[in-house]
């Protein structure tokens, strides 16, 4: 596949006061190209607890390919069957990935890391985005 049918991929993880921020950063880095910059925003929870939001946006084609290659560790066929529920009207694909598994170097679906990928679709309609994402995931699972 020469082109990548995604404009960008956003990855985000919350680091709660009970978690080690370095470990959460390591989990997020599992999906990112080497030496990729991660943004850090410190917030305060409802009860005054510290919540750090770590996020990264991958916009270039090589970086997007890197993230997609990292996702090849999960069952992309399952995701393809769920695309109609996972892509919204703004042509964004949403996945949740297991933060604990990612820290250990494994890629699994679960909670902790949120992935949002903006699917290229011309015209910008959900149906077109579902088709393009299905084609991209099919090419990755072959």
C-alpha atoms as a PDB file:
ATOM      1  CA  UNK A   1       0.000   0.000   0.000  1.00  0.00           C
ATOM      2  CA  UNK A   2       1.681   3.183  -1.176  1.00  0.00           C
ATOM      3  CA  UNK A   3      -0.606   5.694   0.519  1.00  0.00           C
ATOM      4  CA  UNK A   4      -1.889   5.717   4.052  1.00  0.00           C
ATOM      5  CA  UNK A   5      -5.633   6.446   4.294  1.00  0.00           C
ATOM      6  CA  UNK A   6      -5.323   8.376   7.566  1.00  0.00           C
ATOM      7  CA  UNK A   7      -4.723  12.104   7.961  1.00  0.00           C
ATOM      8  CA  UNK A   8      -3.331  11.609  11.473  1.00  0.00           C
ATOM      9  CA  UNK A   9      -3.473   9.363  14.523  1.00  0.00           C
ATOM     10  CA  UNK A  10      -3.894  10.721  18.056  1.00  0.00           C
ATOM     11  CA  UNK A  11      -2.862   8.632  21.057  1.00  0.00           C
ATOM     12  CA  UNK A  12      -3.742   9.625  24.622  1.00  0.00           C
ATOM     13  CA  UNK A  13      -3.262   8.097  28.053  1.00  0.00           C
ATOM     14  CA  UNK A  14      -4.189   9.335  31.499  1.00  0.00           C
ATOM     15  CA  UNK A  15      -1.713   8.926  34.332  1.00  0.00           C
ATOM     16  CA  UNK A  16      -3.461   8.963  37.671  1.00  0.00           C
ATOM     17  CA  UNK A  17      -1.838   9.823  41.007  1.00  0.00           C
ATOM     18  CA  UNK A  18      -1.457   6.125  41.842  1.00  0.00           C
ATOM     19  CA  UNK A  19       0.474   5.402  38.623  1.00  0.00           C
ATOM     20  CA  UNK A  20       4.120   5.883  37.714  1.00  0.00           C
ATOM     21  CA  UNK A  21       4.236   8.477  34.923  1.00  0.00           C
ATOM     22  CA  UNK A  22       7.362   6.928  33.391  1.00  0.00           C
ATOM     23  CA  UNK A  23       5.526   3.626  32.989  1.00  0.00           C
ATOM     24  CA  UNK A  24       2.520   5.258  31.356  1.00  0.00           C
ATOM     25  CA  UNK A  25       4.881   7.134  29.015  1.00  0.00           C
ATOM     26  CA  UNK A  26       6.612   3.835  28.170  1.00  0.00           C
ATOM     27  CA  UNK A  27       3.235   2.257  27.394  1.00  0.00           C
ATOM     28  CA  UNK A  28       2.368   5.117  25.020  1.00  0.00           C
ATOM     29  CA  UNK A  29       5.796   4.930  23.376  1.00  0.00           C
ATOM     30  CA  UNK A  30       5.044   1.313  22.429  1.00  0.00           C
ATOM     31  CA  UNK A  31       2.940   2.683  19.555  1.00  0.00           C
ATOM     32  CA  UNK A  32       5.092   5.656  18.557  1.00  0.00           C
ATOM     33  CA  UNK A  33       8.130   6.030  16.299  1.00  0.00           C
ATOM     34  CA  UNK A  34      11.444   6.341  18.123  1.00  0.00           C
ATOM     35  CA  UNK A  35      12.175   9.709  19.806  1.00  0.00           C
ATOM     36  CA  UNK A  36       8.638  10.952  19.166  1.00  0.00           C
ATOM     37  CA  UNK A  37       7.560  13.922  21.270  1.00  0.00           C
ATOM     38  CA  UNK A  38       4.819  13.290  23.820  1.00  0.00           C
ATOM     39  CA  UNK A  39       2.818  16.244  25.126  1.00  0.00           C
ATOM     40  CA  UNK A  40       2.205  16.427  28.870  1.00  0.00           C
ATOM     41  CA  UNK A  41      -0.614  18.326  30.551  1.00  0.00           C
ATOM     42  CA  UNK A  42      -1.124  18.212  34.302  1.00  0.00           C
ATOM     43  CA  UNK A  43      -4.686  18.460  35.569  1.00  0.00           C
ATOM     44  CA  UNK A  44      -6.465  18.179  38.871  1.00  0.00           C
ATOM     45  CA  UNK A  45      -9.190  15.608  39.493  1.00  0.00           C
ATOM     46  CA  UNK A  46     -12.499  16.252  41.240  1.00  0.00           C
ATOM     47  CA  UNK A  47     -11.022  15.490  44.651  1.00  0.00           C
ATOM     48  CA  UNK A  48      -7.791  17.398  44.073  1.00  0.00           C
ATOM     49  CA  UNK A  49      -5.796  14.417  42.869  1.00  0.00           C
ATOM     50  CA  UNK A  50      -3.184  14.805  40.147  1.00  0.00           C
ATOM     51  CA  UNK A  51      -4.041  13.551  36.657  1.00  0.00           C
ATOM     52  CA  UNK A  52      -1.431  13.859  33.909  1.00  0.00           C
ATOM     53  CA  UNK A  53      -2.588  13.553  30.310  1.00  0.00           C
ATOM     54  CA  UNK A  54       0.075  12.250  27.927  1.00  0.00           C
ATOM     55  CA  UNK A  55      -0.720  12.586  24.232  1.00  0.00           C
ATOM     56  CA  UNK A  56       0.870  12.465  20.812  1.00  0.00           C
ATOM     57  CA  UNK A  57      -0.284  13.176  17.282  1.00  0.00           C
ATOM     58  CA  UNK A  58       1.325  11.291  14.424  1.00  0.00           C
ATOM     59  CA  UNK A  59       0.792  13.136  11.147  1.00  0.00           C
ATOM     60  CA  UNK A  60       3.416  12.018   8.651  1.00  0.00           C
ATOM     61  CA  UNK A  61       2.914   8.881   6.549  1.00  0.00           C
ATOM     62  CA  UNK A  62       5.918   7.007   7.973  1.00  0.00           C
ATOM     63  CA  UNK A  63       4.754   7.669  11.523  1.00  0.00           C
ATOM     64  CA  UNK A  64       1.208   6.564  10.725  1.00  0.00           C
ATOM     65  CA  UNK A  65       2.589   3.370   9.171  1.00  0.00           C
ATOM     66  CA  UNK A  66       4.623   2.784  12.349  1.00  0.00           C
ATOM     67  CA  UNK A  67       1.492   3.053  14.526  1.00  0.00           C
ATOM     68  CA  UNK A  68      -0.453   0.757  12.172  1.00  0.00           C
ATOM     69  CA  UNK A  69       2.396  -1.760  12.235  1.00  0.00           C
ATOM     70  CA  UNK A  70       2.277  -1.719  16.035  1.00  0.00           C
ATOM     71  CA  UNK A  71      -1.455  -2.464  15.867  1.00  0.00           C
ATOM     72  CA  UNK A  72      -0.805  -5.570  13.791  1.00  0.00           C
ATOM     73  CA  UNK A  73      -0.370  -7.386  17.115  1.00  0.00           C
ATOM     74  CA  UNK A  74      -4.144  -7.338  17.646  1.00  0.00           C
ATOM     75  CA  UNK A  75      -6.851  -9.045  15.610  1.00  0.00           C
ATOM     76  CA  UNK A  76      -7.502  -6.526  12.846  1.00  0.00           C
ATOM     77  CA  UNK A  77     -10.259  -8.744  11.416  1.00  0.00           C
ATOM     78  CA  UNK A  78     -12.308  -8.140  14.589  1.00  0.00           C
ATOM     79  CA  UNK A  79     -11.808  -4.401  14.265  1.00  0.00           C
ATOM     80  CA  UNK A  80     -12.828  -4.507  10.586  1.00  0.00           C
ATOM     81  CA  UNK A  81     -16.137  -6.138  11.524  1.00  0.00           C
ATOM     82  CA  UNK A  82     -16.768  -3.344  14.065  1.00  0.00           C
ATOM     83  CA  UNK A  83     -15.832  -0.380  11.853  1.00  0.00           C
ATOM     84  CA  UNK A  84     -19.397   0.843  11.482  1.00  0.00           C
ATOM     85  CA  UNK A  85     -19.572   1.305  15.271  1.00  0.00           C
ATOM     86  CA  UNK A  86     -15.975   2.527  15.624  1.00  0.00           C
ATOM     87  CA  UNK A  87     -16.076   5.320  13.011  1.00  0.00           C
ATOM     88  CA  UNK A  88     -18.149   8.405  13.721  1.00  0.00           C
ATOM     89  CA  UNK A  89     -19.813  10.898  11.377  1.00  0.00           C
ATOM     90  CA  UNK A  90     -16.603  12.993  11.382  1.00  0.00           C
ATOM     91  CA  UNK A  91     -14.688  10.065   9.838  1.00  0.00           C
ATOM     92  CA  UNK A  92     -12.702   9.349  13.012  1.00  0.00           C
ATOM     93  CA  UNK A  93     -11.855   5.786  14.002  1.00  0.00           C
ATOM     94  CA  UNK A  94     -11.728   5.092  17.743  1.00  0.00           C
ATOM     95  CA  UNK A  95      -9.937   2.228  19.515  1.00  0.00           C
ATOM     96  CA  UNK A  96      -9.016   1.545  23.124  1.00  0.00           C
ATOM     97  CA  UNK A  97      -5.784  -0.230  23.885  1.00  0.00           C
ATOM     98  CA  UNK A  98      -4.578  -1.886  27.067  1.00  0.00           C
ATOM     99  CA  UNK A  99      -2.144   0.381  28.909  1.00  0.00           C
ATOM    100  CA  UNK A 100      -0.775  -2.353  31.179  1.00  0.00           C
ATOM    101  CA  UNK A 101      -0.121  -4.724  28.268  1.00  0.00           C
ATOM    102  CA  UNK A 102       1.537  -1.932  26.266  1.00  0.00           C
ATOM    103  CA  UNK A 103       3.894  -1.238  29.170  1.00  0.00           C
ATOM    104  CA  UNK A 104       4.942  -4.889  28.963  1.00  0.00           C
ATOM    105  CA  UNK A 105       5.509  -4.563  25.210  1.00  0.00           C
ATOM    106  CA  UNK A 106       2.314  -6.353  24.173  1.00  0.00           C
ATOM    107  CA  UNK A 107      -0.470  -4.937  22.050  1.00  0.00           C
ATOM    108  CA  UNK A 108      -3.988  -5.774  23.226  1.00  0.00           C
ATOM    109  CA  UNK A 109      -7.376  -4.156  23.119  1.00  0.00           C
ATOM    110  CA  UNK A 110      -8.494  -2.888  26.493  1.00  0.00           C
ATOM    111  CA  UNK A 111      -8.553   0.224  28.625  1.00  0.00           C
ATOM    112  CA  UNK A 112      -6.004   2.923  29.254  1.00  0.00           C
ATOM    113  CA  UNK A 113      -4.828   4.217  25.890  1.00  0.00           C
ATOM    114  CA  UNK A 114      -7.194   5.897  23.487  1.00  0.00           C
ATOM    115  CA  UNK A 115      -6.473   5.946  19.777  1.00  0.00           C
ATOM    116  CA  UNK A 116      -8.282   8.229  17.354  1.00  0.00           C
ATOM    117  CA  UNK A 117      -7.415   8.058  13.673  1.00  0.00           C
ATOM    118  CA  UNK A 118      -8.822  10.555  11.204  1.00  0.00           C
ATOM    119  CA  UNK A 119      -9.716   8.499   8.121  1.00  0.00           C
ATOM    120  CA  UNK A 120      -9.284  10.036   4.678  1.00  0.00           C
ATOM    121  CA  UNK A 121     -12.640  10.008   2.942  1.00  0.00           C
ATOM    122  CA  UNK A 122     -13.621  11.888  -0.202  1.00  0.00           C
ATOM    123  CA  UNK A 123     -16.420  12.795   0.027  1.00  0.00           C
ATOM    124  CA  UNK A 124     -16.143  13.067   3.805  1.00  0.00           C
ATOM    125  CA  UNK A 125     -18.877  10.592   4.683  1.00  0.00           C
ATOM    126  CA  UNK A 126     -18.914   7.829   7.243  1.00  0.00           C
ATOM    127  CA  UNK A 127     -19.604   5.143   4.630  1.00  0.00           C
ATOM    128  CA  UNK A 128     -16.536   6.155   2.609  1.00  0.00           C
ATOM    129  CA  UNK A 129     -14.409   6.264   5.767  1.00  0.00           C
ATOM    130  CA  UNK A 130     -15.552   2.756   6.755  1.00  0.00           C
ATOM    131  CA  UNK A 131     -14.591   1.433   3.300  1.00  0.00           C
ATOM    132  CA  UNK A 132     -11.178   3.135   3.360  1.00  0.00           C
ATOM    133  CA  UNK A 133     -10.390   1.951   6.888  1.00  0.00           C
ATOM    134  CA  UNK A 134     -11.471  -1.603   6.045  1.00  0.00           C
ATOM    135  CA  UNK A 135      -9.176  -1.601   3.021  1.00  0.00           C
ATOM    136  CA  UNK A 136      -6.246  -0.272   5.068  1.00  0.00           C
ATOM    137  CA  UNK A 137      -6.735  -2.838   7.828  1.00  0.00           C
ATOM    138  CA  UNK A 138      -7.100  -5.651   5.259  1.00  0.00           C
ATOM    139  CA  UNK A 139      -3.765  -4.692   3.722  1.00  0.00           C
ATOM    140  CA  UNK A 140      -2.144  -4.739   7.197  1.00  0.00           C
ATOM    141  CA  UNK A 141      -3.465  -8.172   8.156  1.00  0.00           C
ATOM    142  CA  UNK A 142      -2.261  -9.908   4.964  1.00  0.00           C
END
